[in-house]
């Protein structure tokens, strides 16, 4: 992995999280993420902890560093608690574009 692939992955994460991959003849409905579960967690807990903990388990297999957790919680709680969809999108994007998620195995 290099800088170019890291940026490409972050761009793909941004497209998937904040919009969708466009439709085409071979993909008539496009590609998008269903973030309903994450939005529910964001709505249920104004502290953002449930959301970040769930993303840690699902995307990082419970290996998120405490520094990353704090940074994501700060970003999530900066968004008004009534906007659970945006909170969920922001958290998913930050995890998906992080160096901890980008590790090549």
PDB file of N, CA and C in Angstrom:
ATOM      1  N   UNK A   1       0.852  -1.170   0.000  1.00  0.00           N
ATOM      2  CA  UNK A   1       0.000   0.000   0.000  1.00  0.00           C
ATOM      3  C   UNK A   1       0.897   1.232   0.000  1.00  0.00           C
ATOM      4  N   UNK A   2       0.451   2.269  -0.706  1.00  0.00           N
ATOM      5  CA  UNK A   2       1.208   3.510  -0.762  1.00  0.00           C
ATOM      6  C   UNK A   2       0.252   4.693  -0.580  1.00  0.00           C
ATOM      7  N   UNK A   3       0.771   5.890  -0.706  1.00  0.00           N
ATOM      8  CA  UNK A   3      -0.045   7.087  -0.522  1.00  0.00           C
ATOM      9  C   UNK A   3      -1.218   7.124  -1.498  1.00  0.00           C
ATOM     10  N   UNK A   4      -0.959   6.765  -2.727  1.00  0.00           N
ATOM     11  CA  UNK A   4      -2.014   6.776  -3.743  1.00  0.00           C
ATOM     12  C   UNK A   4      -3.158   5.834  -3.413  1.00  0.00           C
ATOM     13  N   UNK A   5      -2.826   4.620  -2.976  1.00  0.00           N
ATOM     14  CA  UNK A   5      -3.895   3.676  -2.645  1.00  0.00           C
ATOM     15  C   UNK A   5      -4.630   4.100  -1.380  1.00  0.00           C
ATOM     16  N   UNK A   6      -3.930   4.703  -0.442  1.00  0.00           N
ATOM     17  CA  UNK A   6      -4.593   5.195   0.773  1.00  0.00           C
ATOM     18  C   UNK A   6      -5.603   6.279   0.438  1.00  0.00           C
ATOM     19  N   UNK A   7      -5.219   7.189  -0.436  1.00  0.00           N
ATOM     20  CA  UNK A   7      -6.138   8.262  -0.852  1.00  0.00           C
ATOM     21  C   UNK A   7      -7.305   7.680  -1.646  1.00  0.00           C
ATOM     22  N   UNK A   8      -7.040   6.726  -2.509  1.00  0.00           N
ATOM     23  CA  UNK A   8      -8.107   6.093  -3.285  1.00  0.00           C
ATOM     24  C   UNK A   8      -9.105   5.405  -2.359  1.00  0.00           C
ATOM     25  N   UNK A   9      -8.611   4.736  -1.332  1.00  0.00           N
ATOM     26  CA  UNK A   9      -9.512   4.071  -0.383  1.00  0.00           C
ATOM     27  C   UNK A   9     -10.337   5.084   0.398  1.00  0.00           C
ATOM     28  N   UNK A  10      -9.714   6.187   0.798  1.00  0.00           N
ATOM     29  CA  UNK A  10     -10.457   7.235   1.517  1.00  0.00           C
ATOM     30  C   UNK A  10     -11.522   7.846   0.612  1.00  0.00           C
ATOM     31  N   UNK A  11     -11.195   8.046  -0.659  1.00  0.00           N
ATOM     32  CA  UNK A  11     -12.177   8.581  -1.607  1.00  0.00           C
ATOM     33  C   UNK A  11     -13.338   7.606  -1.807  1.00  0.00           C
ATOM     34  N   UNK A  12     -13.035   6.321  -1.896  1.00  0.00           N
ATOM     35  CA  UNK A  12     -14.088   5.317  -2.036  1.00  0.00           C
ATOM     36  C   UNK A  12     -14.976   5.300  -0.788  1.00  0.00           C
ATOM     37  N   UNK A  13     -14.358   5.355   0.384  1.00  0.00           N
ATOM     38  CA  UNK A  13     -15.131   5.390   1.632  1.00  0.00           C
ATOM     39  C   UNK A  13     -16.033   6.615   1.661  1.00  0.00           C
ATOM     40  N   UNK A  14     -15.507   7.756   1.253  1.00  0.00           N
ATOM     41  CA  UNK A  14     -16.303   8.982   1.218  1.00  0.00           C
ATOM     42  C   UNK A  14     -17.507   8.836   0.295  1.00  0.00           C
ATOM     43  N   UNK A  15     -17.282   8.282  -0.887  1.00  0.00           N
ATOM     44  CA  UNK A  15     -18.367   8.086  -1.845  1.00  0.00           C
ATOM     45  C   UNK A  15     -19.429   7.139  -1.289  1.00  0.00           C
ATOM     46  N   UNK A  16     -19.004   6.023  -0.724  1.00  0.00           N
ATOM     47  CA  UNK A  16     -19.958   5.047  -0.204  1.00  0.00           C
ATOM     48  C   UNK A  16     -20.731   5.564   1.003  1.00  0.00           C
ATOM     49  N   UNK A  17     -20.047   6.287   1.888  1.00  0.00           N
ATOM     50  CA  UNK A  17     -20.676   6.734   3.133  1.00  0.00           C
ATOM     51  C   UNK A  17     -21.576   7.942   2.907  1.00  0.00           C
ATOM     52  N   UNK A  18     -21.129   8.899   2.120  1.00  0.00           N
ATOM     53  CA  UNK A  18     -21.870  10.152   1.989  1.00  0.00           C
ATOM     54  C   UNK A  18     -22.747  10.238   0.743  1.00  0.00           C
ATOM     55  N   UNK A  19     -22.626   9.292  -0.189  1.00  0.00           N
ATOM     56  CA  UNK A  19     -23.518   9.275  -1.355  1.00  0.00           C
ATOM     57  C   UNK A  19     -23.663   7.827  -1.803  1.00  0.00           C
ATOM     58  N   UNK A  20     -23.348   7.525  -3.034  1.00  0.00           N
ATOM     59  CA  UNK A  20     -23.386   6.153  -3.530  1.00  0.00           C
ATOM     60  C   UNK A  20     -22.598   6.068  -4.824  1.00  0.00           C
ATOM     61  N   UNK A  21     -22.251   4.850  -5.197  1.00  0.00           N
ATOM     62  CA  UNK A  21     -21.608   4.644  -6.482  1.00  0.00           C
ATOM     63  C   UNK A  21     -22.708   4.726  -7.529  1.00  0.00           C
ATOM     64  N   UNK A  22     -22.467   5.491  -8.547  1.00  0.00           N
ATOM     65  CA  UNK A  22     -23.485   5.797  -9.557  1.00  0.00           C
ATOM     66  C   UNK A  22     -24.011   4.542 -10.244  1.00  0.00           C
ATOM     67  N   UNK A  23     -25.191   4.688 -10.775  1.00  0.00           N
ATOM     68  CA  UNK A  23     -25.812   3.601 -11.530  1.00  0.00           C
ATOM     69  C   UNK A  23     -25.161   3.472 -12.897  1.00  0.00           C
ATOM     70  N   UNK A  24     -25.291   2.296 -13.454  1.00  0.00           N
ATOM     71  CA  UNK A  24     -24.805   2.038 -14.808  1.00  0.00           C
ATOM     72  C   UNK A  24     -25.635   0.896 -15.375  1.00  0.00           C
ATOM     73  N   UNK A  25     -25.334   0.520 -16.580  1.00  0.00           N
ATOM     74  CA  UNK A  25     -26.065  -0.579 -17.197  1.00  0.00           C
ATOM     75  C   UNK A  25     -25.910  -1.863 -16.398  1.00  0.00           C
ATOM     76  N   UNK A  26     -24.702  -2.122 -15.912  1.00  0.00           N
ATOM     77  CA  UNK A  26     -24.454  -3.364 -15.178  1.00  0.00           C
ATOM     78  C   UNK A  26     -24.838  -3.257 -13.698  1.00  0.00           C
ATOM     79  N   UNK A  27     -25.009  -2.038 -13.199  1.00  0.00           N
ATOM     80  CA  UNK A  27     -25.402  -1.815 -11.803  1.00  0.00           C
ATOM     81  C   UNK A  27     -26.563  -0.824 -11.795  1.00  0.00           C
ATOM     82  N   UNK A  28     -27.775  -1.279 -12.144  1.00  0.00           N
ATOM     83  CA  UNK A  28     -28.896  -0.353 -12.338  1.00  0.00           C
ATOM     84  C   UNK A  28     -29.342   0.392 -11.076  1.00  0.00           C
ATOM     85  N   UNK A  29     -29.048  -0.145  -9.902  1.00  0.00           N
ATOM     86  CA  UNK A  29     -29.454   0.526  -8.668  1.00  0.00           C
ATOM     87  C   UNK A  29     -28.294   1.236  -7.979  1.00  0.00           C
ATOM     88  N   UNK A  30     -27.106   1.133  -8.533  1.00  0.00           N
ATOM     89  CA  UNK A  30     -25.941   1.726  -7.892  1.00  0.00           C
ATOM     90  C   UNK A  30     -25.528   0.904  -6.685  1.00  0.00           C
ATOM     91  N   UNK A  31     -24.608   1.429  -5.904  1.00  0.00           N
ATOM     92  CA  UNK A  31     -24.140   0.757  -4.696  1.00  0.00           C
ATOM     93  C   UNK A  31     -24.156   1.762  -3.569  1.00  0.00           C
ATOM     94  N   UNK A  32     -24.758   1.389  -2.461  1.00  0.00           N
ATOM     95  CA  UNK A  32     -24.787   2.274  -1.298  1.00  0.00           C
ATOM     96  C   UNK A  32     -24.750   1.436  -0.031  1.00  0.00           C
ATOM     97  N   UNK A  33     -24.446   2.060   1.069  1.00  0.00           N
ATOM     98  CA  UNK A  33     -24.396   1.384   2.366  1.00  0.00           C
ATOM     99  C   UNK A  33     -25.700   1.588   3.116  1.00  0.00           C
ATOM    100  N   UNK A  34     -26.134   0.562   3.815  1.00  0.00           N
ATOM    101  CA  UNK A  34     -27.286   0.672   4.705  1.00  0.00           C
ATOM    102  C   UNK A  34     -26.740   0.939   6.102  1.00  0.00           C
ATOM    103  N   UNK A  35     -26.866   2.163   6.557  1.00  0.00           N
ATOM    104  CA  UNK A  35     -26.324   2.561   7.858  1.00  0.00           C
ATOM    105  C   UNK A  35     -27.393   2.629   8.945  1.00  0.00           C
ATOM    106  N   UNK A  36     -28.515   1.956   8.725  1.00  0.00           N
ATOM    107  CA  UNK A  36     -29.630   2.005   9.665  1.00  0.00           C
ATOM    108  C   UNK A  36     -29.206   1.615  11.073  1.00  0.00           C
ATOM    109  N   UNK A  37     -28.452   0.533  11.202  1.00  0.00           N
ATOM    110  CA  UNK A  37     -28.010   0.081  12.525  1.00  0.00           C
ATOM    111  C   UNK A  37     -27.145   1.138  13.209  1.00  0.00           C
ATOM    112  N   UNK A  38     -26.237   1.734  12.464  1.00  0.00           N
ATOM    113  CA  UNK A  38     -25.359   2.750  13.051  1.00  0.00           C
ATOM    114  C   UNK A  38     -26.141   4.016  13.402  1.00  0.00           C
ATOM    115  N   UNK A  39     -27.114   4.367  12.580  1.00  0.00           N
ATOM    116  CA  UNK A  39     -27.955   5.532  12.868  1.00  0.00           C
ATOM    117  C   UNK A  39     -28.772   5.315  14.140  1.00  0.00           C
ATOM    118  N   UNK A  40     -29.256   4.090  14.334  1.00  0.00           N
ATOM    119  CA  UNK A  40     -30.004   3.766  15.551  1.00  0.00           C
ATOM    120  C   UNK A  40     -29.115   3.902  16.775  1.00  0.00           C
ATOM    121  N   UNK A  41     -27.900   3.404  16.696  1.00  0.00           N
ATOM    122  CA  UNK A  41     -26.965   3.532  17.817  1.00  0.00           C
ATOM    123  C   UNK A  41     -26.643   4.998  18.101  1.00  0.00           C
ATOM    124  N   UNK A  42     -26.471   5.775  17.044  1.00  0.00           N
ATOM    125  CA  UNK A  42     -26.188   7.203  17.212  1.00  0.00           C
ATOM    126  C   UNK A  42     -27.362   7.912  17.860  1.00  0.00           C
ATOM    127  N   UNK A  43     -28.558   7.493  17.514  1.00  0.00           N
ATOM    128  CA  UNK A  43     -29.768   8.097  18.074  1.00  0.00           C
ATOM    129  C   UNK A  43     -29.993   7.689  19.528  1.00  0.00           C
ATOM    130  N   UNK A  44     -29.677   6.430  19.847  1.00  0.00           N
ATOM    131  CA  UNK A  44     -29.922   5.893  21.186  1.00  0.00           C
ATOM    132  C   UNK A  44     -28.962   6.427  22.247  1.00  0.00           C
ATOM    133  N   UNK A  45     -27.779   6.866  21.837  1.00  0.00           N
ATOM    134  CA  UNK A  45     -26.750   7.278  22.799  1.00  0.00           C
ATOM    135  C   UNK A  45     -26.130   8.608  22.392  1.00  0.00           C
ATOM    136  N   UNK A  46     -26.529   9.712  23.023  1.00  0.00           N
ATOM    137  CA  UNK A  46     -25.993  11.021  22.644  1.00  0.00           C
ATOM    138  C   UNK A  46     -24.489  11.178  22.897  1.00  0.00           C
ATOM    139  N   UNK A  47     -23.887  10.292  23.698  1.00  0.00           N
ATOM    140  CA  UNK A  47     -22.446  10.386  23.946  1.00  0.00           C
ATOM    141  C   UNK A  47     -21.629   9.848  22.773  1.00  0.00           C
ATOM    142  N   UNK A  48     -22.264   9.048  21.905  1.00  0.00           N
ATOM    143  CA  UNK A  48     -21.570   8.465  20.760  1.00  0.00           C
ATOM    144  C   UNK A  48     -20.799   7.206  21.071  1.00  0.00           C
ATOM    145  N   UNK A  49     -20.727   6.835  22.345  1.00  0.00           N
ATOM    146  CA  UNK A  49     -19.914   5.684  22.751  1.00  0.00           C
ATOM    147  C   UNK A  49     -20.424   4.372  22.160  1.00  0.00           C
ATOM    148  N   UNK A  50     -21.734   4.165  22.150  1.00  0.00           N
ATOM    149  CA  UNK A  50     -22.276   2.923  21.584  1.00  0.00           C
ATOM    150  C   UNK A  50     -21.927   2.795  20.106  1.00  0.00           C
ATOM    151  N   UNK A  51     -22.036   3.879  19.393  1.00  0.00           N
ATOM    152  CA  UNK A  51     -21.725   3.907  17.966  1.00  0.00           C
ATOM    153  C   UNK A  51     -20.255   3.573  17.725  1.00  0.00           C
ATOM    154  N   UNK A  52     -19.378   4.245  18.414  1.00  0.00           N
ATOM    155  CA  UNK A  52     -17.943   4.034  18.216  1.00  0.00           C
ATOM    156  C   UNK A  52     -17.537   2.628  18.647  1.00  0.00           C
ATOM    157  N   UNK A  53     -18.099   2.139  19.747  1.00  0.00           N
ATOM    158  CA  UNK A  53     -17.785   0.778  20.192  1.00  0.00           C
ATOM    159  C   UNK A  53     -18.250  -0.265  19.171  1.00  0.00           C
ATOM    160  N   UNK A  54     -19.429  -0.064  18.584  1.00  0.00           N
ATOM    161  CA  UNK A  54     -19.930  -0.997  17.573  1.00  0.00           C
ATOM    162  C   UNK A  54     -19.044  -0.988  16.334  1.00  0.00           C
ATOM    163  N   UNK A  55     -18.616   0.187  15.908  1.00  0.00           N
ATOM    164  CA  UNK A  55     -17.723   0.274  14.746  1.00  0.00           C
ATOM    165  C   UNK A  55     -16.375  -0.359  15.046  1.00  0.00           C
ATOM    166  N   UNK A  56     -15.903  -0.195  16.261  1.00  0.00           N
ATOM    167  CA  UNK A  56     -14.650  -0.830  16.674  1.00  0.00           C
ATOM    168  C   UNK A  56     -14.768  -2.350  16.530  1.00  0.00           C
ATOM    169  N   UNK A  57     -15.860  -2.908  17.029  1.00  0.00           N
ATOM    170  CA  UNK A  57     -16.059  -4.362  16.940  1.00  0.00           C
ATOM    171  C   UNK A  57     -16.231  -4.822  15.494  1.00  0.00           C
ATOM    172  N   UNK A  58     -17.063  -4.123  14.738  1.00  0.00           N
ATOM    173  CA  UNK A  58     -17.405  -4.572  13.384  1.00  0.00           C
ATOM    174  C   UNK A  58     -16.304  -4.322  12.354  1.00  0.00           C
ATOM    175  N   UNK A  59     -15.607  -3.214  12.475  1.00  0.00           N
ATOM    176  CA  UNK A  59     -14.641  -2.851  11.439  1.00  0.00           C
ATOM    177  C   UNK A  59     -13.186  -3.086  11.833  1.00  0.00           C
ATOM    178  N   UNK A  60     -12.909  -3.076  13.135  1.00  0.00           N
ATOM    179  CA  UNK A  60     -11.516  -3.204  13.579  1.00  0.00           C
ATOM    180  C   UNK A  60     -11.293  -4.404  14.502  1.00  0.00           C
ATOM    181  N   UNK A  61     -12.304  -5.224  14.679  1.00  0.00           N
ATOM    182  CA  UNK A  61     -12.192  -6.413  15.529  1.00  0.00           C
ATOM    183  C   UNK A  61     -11.688  -6.057  16.924  1.00  0.00           C
ATOM    184  N   UNK A  62     -12.227  -4.969  17.465  1.00  0.00           N
ATOM    185  CA  UNK A  62     -11.926  -4.490  18.825  1.00  0.00           C
ATOM    186  C   UNK A  62     -10.460  -4.143  19.040  1.00  0.00           C
ATOM    187  N   UNK A  63      -9.837  -3.551  18.023  1.00  0.00           N
ATOM    188  CA  UNK A  63      -8.428  -3.157  18.143  1.00  0.00           C
ATOM    189  C   UNK A  63      -8.223  -1.643  18.064  1.00  0.00           C
ATOM    190  N   UNK A  64      -9.305  -0.867  18.118  1.00  0.00           N
ATOM    191  CA  UNK A  64      -9.185   0.589  18.010  1.00  0.00           C
ATOM    192  C   UNK A  64      -8.356   1.144  19.176  1.00  0.00           C
ATOM    193  N   UNK A  65      -7.402   1.994  18.847  1.00  0.00           N
ATOM    194  CA  UNK A  65      -6.593   2.614  19.898  1.00  0.00           C
ATOM    195  C   UNK A  65      -7.442   3.621  20.670  1.00  0.00           C
ATOM    196  N   UNK A  66      -7.049   3.881  21.909  1.00  0.00           N
ATOM    197  CA  UNK A  66      -7.806   4.836  22.721  1.00  0.00           C
ATOM    198  C   UNK A  66      -7.726   6.241  22.132  1.00  0.00           C
ATOM    199  N   UNK A  67      -6.585   6.584  21.521  1.00  0.00           N
ATOM    200  CA  UNK A  67      -6.433   7.893  20.892  1.00  0.00           C
ATOM    201  C   UNK A  67      -7.403   8.044  19.712  1.00  0.00           C
ATOM    202  N   UNK A  68      -7.523   7.006  18.891  1.00  0.00           N
ATOM    203  CA  UNK A  68      -8.451   7.058  17.766  1.00  0.00           C
ATOM    204  C   UNK A  68      -9.888   7.143  18.273  1.00  0.00           C
ATOM    205  N   UNK A  69     -10.212   6.368  19.295  1.00  0.00           N
ATOM    206  CA  UNK A  69     -11.569   6.382  19.861  1.00  0.00           C
ATOM    207  C   UNK A  69     -11.930   7.788  20.342  1.00  0.00           C
ATOM    208  N   UNK A  70     -11.011   8.416  21.046  1.00  0.00           N
ATOM    209  CA  UNK A  70     -11.247   9.770  21.550  1.00  0.00           C
ATOM    210  C   UNK A  70     -11.443  10.753  20.397  1.00  0.00           C
ATOM    211  N   UNK A  71     -10.617  10.641  19.372  1.00  0.00           N
ATOM    212  CA  UNK A  71     -10.731  11.546  18.212  1.00  0.00           C
ATOM    213  C   UNK A  71     -12.069  11.382  17.506  1.00  0.00           C
ATOM    214  N   UNK A  72     -12.505  10.146  17.320  1.00  0.00           N
ATOM    215  CA  UNK A  72     -13.773   9.903  16.640  1.00  0.00           C
ATOM    216  C   UNK A  72     -14.940  10.373  17.504  1.00  0.00           C
ATOM    217  N   UNK A  73     -14.879  10.107  18.799  1.00  0.00           N
ATOM    218  CA  UNK A  73     -15.942  10.587  19.691  1.00  0.00           C
ATOM    219  C   UNK A  73     -16.038  12.109  19.663  1.00  0.00           C
ATOM    220  N   UNK A  74     -14.904  12.787  19.635  1.00  0.00           N
ATOM    221  CA  UNK A  74     -14.899  14.252  19.563  1.00  0.00           C
ATOM    222  C   UNK A  74     -15.580  14.724  18.280  1.00  0.00           C
ATOM    223  N   UNK A  75     -15.258  14.079  17.158  1.00  0.00           N
ATOM    224  CA  UNK A  75     -15.857  14.463  15.878  1.00  0.00           C
ATOM    225  C   UNK A  75     -17.354  14.159  15.853  1.00  0.00           C
ATOM    226  N   UNK A  76     -17.748  13.029  16.412  1.00  0.00           N
ATOM    227  CA  UNK A  76     -19.158  12.632  16.402  1.00  0.00           C
ATOM    228  C   UNK A  76     -19.986  13.553  17.287  1.00  0.00           C
ATOM    229  N   UNK A  77     -19.495  13.849  18.471  1.00  0.00           N
ATOM    230  CA  UNK A  77     -20.270  14.684  19.392  1.00  0.00           C
ATOM    231  C   UNK A  77     -20.279  16.154  18.979  1.00  0.00           C
ATOM    232  N   UNK A  78     -19.435  16.534  18.037  1.00  0.00           N
ATOM    233  CA  UNK A  78     -19.475  17.905  17.508  1.00  0.00           C
ATOM    234  C   UNK A  78     -20.710  18.100  16.620  1.00  0.00           C
ATOM    235  N   UNK A  79     -21.296  17.002  16.175  1.00  0.00           N
ATOM    236  CA  UNK A  79     -22.520  17.038  15.366  1.00  0.00           C
ATOM    237  C   UNK A  79     -23.700  16.942  16.328  1.00  0.00           C
ATOM    238  N   UNK A  80     -24.696  17.758  16.126  1.00  0.00           N
ATOM    239  CA  UNK A  80     -25.841  17.781  17.021  1.00  0.00           C
ATOM    240  C   UNK A  80     -26.451  16.381  17.181  1.00  0.00           C
ATOM    241  N   UNK A  81     -26.835  16.043  18.401  1.00  0.00           N
ATOM    242  CA  UNK A  81     -27.352  14.706  18.706  1.00  0.00           C
ATOM    243  C   UNK A  81     -28.606  14.368  17.922  1.00  0.00           C
ATOM    244  N   UNK A  82     -29.360  15.360  17.501  1.00  0.00           N
ATOM    245  CA  UNK A  82     -30.584  15.103  16.748  1.00  0.00           C
ATOM    246  C   UNK A  82     -30.301  14.672  15.303  1.00  0.00           C
ATOM    247  N   UNK A  83     -29.072  14.823  14.848  1.00  0.00           N
ATOM    248  CA  UNK A  83     -28.704  14.439  13.484  1.00  0.00           C
ATOM    249  C   UNK A  83     -27.962  13.092  13.512  1.00  0.00           C
ATOM    250  N   UNK A  84     -28.686  12.045  13.871  1.00  0.00           N
ATOM    251  CA  UNK A  84     -28.068  10.728  14.034  1.00  0.00           C
ATOM    252  C   UNK A  84     -27.516  10.181  12.715  1.00  0.00           C
ATOM    253  N   UNK A  85     -28.148  10.508  11.600  1.00  0.00           N
ATOM    254  CA  UNK A  85     -27.645  10.026  10.307  1.00  0.00           C
ATOM    255  C   UNK A  85     -26.263  10.598  10.015  1.00  0.00           C
ATOM    256  N   UNK A  86     -26.078  11.882  10.251  1.00  0.00           N
ATOM    257  CA  UNK A  86     -24.775  12.501   9.996  1.00  0.00           C
ATOM    258  C   UNK A  86     -23.720  12.002  10.986  1.00  0.00           C
ATOM    259  N   UNK A  87     -24.136  11.802  12.234  1.00  0.00           N
ATOM    260  CA  UNK A  87     -23.203  11.246  13.226  1.00  0.00           C
ATOM    261  C   UNK A  87     -22.716   9.869  12.791  1.00  0.00           C
ATOM    262  N   UNK A  88     -23.648   9.029  12.348  1.00  0.00           N
ATOM    263  CA  UNK A  88     -23.285   7.681  11.917  1.00  0.00           C
ATOM    264  C   UNK A  88     -22.362   7.732  10.701  1.00  0.00           C
ATOM    265  N   UNK A  89     -22.714   8.552   9.715  1.00  0.00           N
ATOM    266  CA  UNK A  89     -21.882   8.672   8.513  1.00  0.00           C
ATOM    267  C   UNK A  89     -20.467   9.139   8.861  1.00  0.00           C
ATOM    268  N   UNK A  90     -20.377  10.150   9.704  1.00  0.00           N
ATOM    269  CA  UNK A  90     -19.068  10.686  10.075  1.00  0.00           C
ATOM    270  C   UNK A  90     -18.218   9.621  10.758  1.00  0.00           C
ATOM    271  N   UNK A  91     -18.811   8.885  11.691  1.00  0.00           N
ATOM    272  CA  UNK A  91     -18.065   7.860  12.414  1.00  0.00           C
ATOM    273  C   UNK A  91     -17.605   6.737  11.484  1.00  0.00           C
ATOM    274  N   UNK A  92     -18.486   6.268  10.624  1.00  0.00           N
ATOM    275  CA  UNK A  92     -18.119   5.204   9.679  1.00  0.00           C
ATOM    276  C   UNK A  92     -16.999   5.679   8.762  1.00  0.00           C
ATOM    277  N   UNK A  93     -17.124   6.889   8.240  1.00  0.00           N
ATOM    278  CA  UNK A  93     -16.077   7.412   7.358  1.00  0.00           C
ATOM    279  C   UNK A  93     -14.736   7.519   8.076  1.00  0.00           C
ATOM    280  N   UNK A  94     -14.746   8.037   9.298  1.00  0.00           N
ATOM    281  CA  UNK A  94     -13.482   8.201  10.022  1.00  0.00           C
ATOM    282  C   UNK A  94     -12.811   6.860  10.299  1.00  0.00           C
ATOM    283  N   UNK A  95     -13.589   5.846  10.619  1.00  0.00           N
ATOM    284  CA  UNK A  95     -12.999   4.520  10.840  1.00  0.00           C
ATOM    285  C   UNK A  95     -12.504   3.950   9.508  1.00  0.00           C
ATOM    286  N   UNK A  96     -13.330   4.017   8.473  1.00  0.00           N
ATOM    287  CA  UNK A  96     -12.971   3.434   7.177  1.00  0.00           C
ATOM    288  C   UNK A  96     -11.760   4.103   6.529  1.00  0.00           C
ATOM    289  N   UNK A  97     -11.545   5.359   6.818  1.00  0.00           N
ATOM    290  CA  UNK A  97     -10.412   6.065   6.213  1.00  0.00           C
ATOM    291  C   UNK A  97      -9.198   6.129   7.139  1.00  0.00           C
ATOM    292  N   UNK A  98      -9.299   5.522   8.297  1.00  0.00           N
ATOM    293  CA  UNK A  98      -8.187   5.568   9.263  1.00  0.00           C
ATOM    294  C   UNK A  98      -7.057   4.641   8.872  1.00  0.00           C
ATOM    295  N   UNK A  99      -5.877   4.931   9.363  1.00  0.00           N
ATOM    296  CA  UNK A  99      -4.721   4.077   9.100  1.00  0.00           C
ATOM    297  C   UNK A  99      -4.894   2.716   9.772  1.00  0.00           C
ATOM    298  N   UNK A 100      -5.607   2.659  10.890  1.00  0.00           N
ATOM    299  CA  UNK A 100      -5.823   1.386  11.574  1.00  0.00           C
ATOM    300  C   UNK A 100      -6.703   0.451  10.742  1.00  0.00           C
ATOM    301  N   UNK A 101      -7.632   1.002   9.958  1.00  0.00           N
ATOM    302  CA  UNK A 101      -8.473   0.189   9.095  1.00  0.00           C
ATOM    303  C   UNK A 101      -7.748  -0.138   7.788  1.00  0.00           C
ATOM    304  N   UNK A 102      -6.857   0.732   7.360  1.00  0.00           N
ATOM    305  CA  UNK A 102      -6.186   0.595   6.061  1.00  0.00           C
ATOM    306  C   UNK A 102      -5.031  -0.397   6.072  1.00  0.00           C
ATOM    307  N   UNK A 103      -4.730  -0.981   7.190  1.00  0.00           N
ATOM    308  CA  UNK A 103      -3.577  -1.881   7.279  1.00  0.00           C
ATOM    309  C   UNK A 103      -3.722  -3.020   6.278  1.00  0.00           C
ATOM    310  N   UNK A 104      -2.678  -3.230   5.505  1.00  0.00           N
ATOM    311  CA  UNK A 104      -2.678  -4.310   4.525  1.00  0.00           C
ATOM    312  C   UNK A 104      -2.236  -5.584   5.223  1.00  0.00           C
ATOM    313  N   UNK A 105      -3.045  -6.622   5.107  1.00  0.00           N
ATOM    314  CA  UNK A 105      -2.720  -7.892   5.790  1.00  0.00           C
ATOM    315  C   UNK A 105      -2.417  -8.975   4.791  1.00  0.00           C
TER     316      UNK A 105
END
